[in-house]
Amino acid sequence: MKGEANTSNFILNDMDNMKSKLGFGATIGGFGTIELSKNFMLRPEVLLHYKNSVMEDKTNGNEVDFQYFSEFISLFKIELSCGYKIK
């Protein structure tokens, strides 16, 4: 299992009447390991992301909540392990 907490915000250019408020989000997911040999494995993973931020209009105080959902599926992460045993 994997997990993280995050914060997100907007960088505003040429929008003097708007203000961005920091929002909170999270990522959760999991991974597996397919060992093909002693030193070579595949590690597919699936991650689900959620991010949130609020835009506020400074002139009238109206707020718009932006939410971002995404998924990330990695099937070809390859790990090659080369180590030496020290006696």
C-alpha atoms as a PDB file:
ATOM      1  CA  MET A   1       0.000   0.000   0.000  1.00  0.00           C
ATOM      2  CA  LYS A   2       1.019   3.566  -0.641  1.00  0.00           C
ATOM      3  CA  GLY A   3      -0.436   6.791   0.650  1.00  0.00           C
ATOM      4  CA  GLU A   4       0.327  10.494   0.890  1.00  0.00           C
ATOM      5  CA  ALA A   5      -1.249  13.774   1.867  1.00  0.00           C
ATOM      6  CA  ASN A   6      -0.769  16.849  -0.308  1.00  0.00           C
ATOM      7  CA  THR A   7      -1.714  20.491  -0.677  1.00  0.00           C
ATOM      8  CA  SER A   8      -2.411  22.330  -3.916  1.00  0.00           C
ATOM      9  CA  ASN A   9      -2.798  25.921  -4.980  1.00  0.00           C
ATOM     10  CA  PHE A  10      -3.018  27.968  -8.190  1.00  0.00           C
ATOM     11  CA  ILE A  11      -0.413  30.411  -9.456  1.00  0.00           C
ATOM     12  CA  LEU A  12      -2.412  33.327 -10.828  1.00  0.00           C
ATOM     13  CA  ASN A  13      -1.083  35.549 -13.618  1.00  0.00           C
ATOM     14  CA  ASP A  14      -3.078  38.517 -14.930  1.00  0.00           C
ATOM     15  CA  MET A  15      -5.957  37.785 -12.535  1.00  0.00           C
ATOM     16  CA  ASP A  16      -5.653  40.594  -9.994  1.00  0.00           C
ATOM     17  CA  ASN A  17      -9.246  40.230  -8.767  1.00  0.00           C
ATOM     18  CA  MET A  18      -8.844  36.497  -7.966  1.00  0.00           C
ATOM     19  CA  LYS A  19      -7.276  34.785  -4.973  1.00  0.00           C
ATOM     20  CA  SER A  20      -6.332  31.125  -4.660  1.00  0.00           C
ATOM     21  CA  LYS A  21      -6.759  29.307  -1.353  1.00  0.00           C
ATOM     22  CA  LEU A  22      -4.703  26.294  -0.420  1.00  0.00           C
ATOM     23  CA  GLY A  23      -6.581  22.981  -0.595  1.00  0.00           C
ATOM     24  CA  PHE A  24      -5.834  19.519   0.730  1.00  0.00           C
ATOM     25  CA  GLY A  25      -5.801  16.188  -1.049  1.00  0.00           C
ATOM     26  CA  ALA A  26      -4.540  12.641  -0.909  1.00  0.00           C
ATOM     27  CA  THR A  27      -3.061   9.826  -2.951  1.00  0.00           C
ATOM     28  CA  ILE A  28      -3.707   6.153  -2.253  1.00  0.00           C
ATOM     29  CA  GLY A  29      -2.757   3.037  -4.121  1.00  0.00           C
ATOM     30  CA  GLY A  30      -0.885  -0.173  -4.118  1.00  0.00           C
ATOM     31  CA  PHE A  31       1.752  -2.132  -5.936  1.00  0.00           C
ATOM     32  CA  GLY A  32       2.779  -5.701  -6.495  1.00  0.00           C
ATOM     33  CA  THR A  33       6.034  -7.421  -7.315  1.00  0.00           C
ATOM     34  CA  ILE A  34       6.587  -9.997 -10.023  1.00  0.00           C
ATOM     35  CA  GLU A  35      10.008 -11.499  -9.487  1.00  0.00           C
ATOM     36  CA  LEU A  36      11.390 -12.823 -12.761  1.00  0.00           C
ATOM     37  CA  SER A  37      14.811 -13.789 -11.442  1.00  0.00           C
ATOM     38  CA  LYS A  38      16.980 -13.244  -8.380  1.00  0.00           C
ATOM     39  CA  ASN A  39      17.996  -9.737  -9.504  1.00  0.00           C
ATOM     40  CA  PHE A  40      15.191  -8.681 -11.875  1.00  0.00           C
ATOM     41  CA  MET A  41      11.565  -7.837 -11.080  1.00  0.00           C
ATOM     42  CA  LEU A  42       8.545  -5.968 -12.409  1.00  0.00           C
ATOM     43  CA  ARG A  43       6.599  -3.748 -10.020  1.00  0.00           C
ATOM     44  CA  PRO A  44       3.204  -2.653 -11.421  1.00  0.00           C
ATOM     45  CA  GLU A  45       1.319  -0.040  -9.391  1.00  0.00           C
ATOM     46  CA  VAL A  46      -2.025   1.764  -9.342  1.00  0.00           C
ATOM     47  CA  LEU A  47      -2.385   5.213  -7.729  1.00  0.00           C
ATOM     48  CA  LEU A  48      -5.524   7.320  -7.264  1.00  0.00           C
ATOM     49  CA  HIS A  49      -4.996  11.082  -6.805  1.00  0.00           C
ATOM     50  CA  TYR A  50      -7.355  13.720  -5.382  1.00  0.00           C
ATOM     51  CA  LYS A  51      -6.410  17.401  -5.232  1.00  0.00           C
ATOM     52  CA  ASN A  52      -8.496  20.380  -4.189  1.00  0.00           C
ATOM     53  CA  SER A  53      -8.174  24.181  -4.298  1.00  0.00           C
ATOM     54  CA  VAL A  54     -10.539  27.143  -3.996  1.00  0.00           C
ATOM     55  CA  MET A  55     -10.583  30.275  -6.183  1.00  0.00           C
ATOM     56  CA  GLU A  56     -12.106  33.386  -4.629  1.00  0.00           C
ATOM     57  CA  ASP A  57     -13.242  36.512  -6.473  1.00  0.00           C
ATOM     58  CA  LYS A  58     -11.961  39.449  -4.369  1.00  0.00           C
ATOM     59  CA  THR A  59     -14.620  41.840  -5.726  1.00  0.00           C
ATOM     60  CA  ASN A  60     -17.721  39.930  -4.585  1.00  0.00           C
ATOM     61  CA  GLY A  61     -16.404  37.094  -2.381  1.00  0.00           C
ATOM     62  CA  ASN A  62     -17.756  34.278  -4.598  1.00  0.00           C
ATOM     63  CA  GLU A  63     -15.798  31.036  -4.334  1.00  0.00           C
ATOM     64  CA  VAL A  64     -15.370  28.186  -6.795  1.00  0.00           C
ATOM     65  CA  ASP A  65     -14.080  24.822  -5.570  1.00  0.00           C
ATOM     66  CA  PHE A  66     -11.801  23.016  -8.053  1.00  0.00           C
ATOM     67  CA  GLN A  67     -11.381  19.280  -7.583  1.00  0.00           C
ATOM     68  CA  TYR A  68      -8.973  17.098  -9.509  1.00  0.00           C
ATOM     69  CA  PHE A  69      -9.240  13.307  -9.672  1.00  0.00           C
ATOM     70  CA  SER A  70      -6.810  11.125 -11.606  1.00  0.00           C
ATOM     71  CA  GLU A  71      -5.452   7.627 -11.753  1.00  0.00           C
ATOM     72  CA  PHE A  72      -1.970   6.458 -12.581  1.00  0.00           C
ATOM     73  CA  ILE A  73      -1.323   2.905 -13.724  1.00  0.00           C
ATOM     74  CA  SER A  74       2.267   1.799 -14.171  1.00  0.00           C
ATOM     75  CA  LEU A  75       2.808  -1.626 -15.672  1.00  0.00           C
ATOM     76  CA  PHE A  76       6.418  -1.437 -16.745  1.00  0.00           C
ATOM     77  CA  LYS A  77       8.434  -0.256 -13.782  1.00  0.00           C
ATOM     78  CA  ILE A  78      11.549  -2.394 -13.927  1.00  0.00           C
ATOM     79  CA  GLU A  79      13.943  -2.768 -11.041  1.00  0.00           C
ATOM     80  CA  LEU A  80      17.361  -4.280 -11.507  1.00  0.00           C
ATOM     81  CA  SER A  81      19.181  -5.205  -8.348  1.00  0.00           C
ATOM     82  CA  CYS A  82      22.929  -5.744  -8.349  1.00  0.00           C
ATOM     83  CA  GLY A  83      24.432  -6.200  -4.946  1.00  0.00           C
ATOM     84  CA  TYR A  84      27.480  -7.787  -3.440  1.00  0.00           C
ATOM     85  CA  LYS A  85      27.539  -9.789  -0.257  1.00  0.00           C
ATOM     86  CA  ILE A  86      30.093  -8.483   2.257  1.00  0.00           C
ATOM     87  CA  LYS A  87      31.542 -11.064   4.642  1.00  0.00           C
END
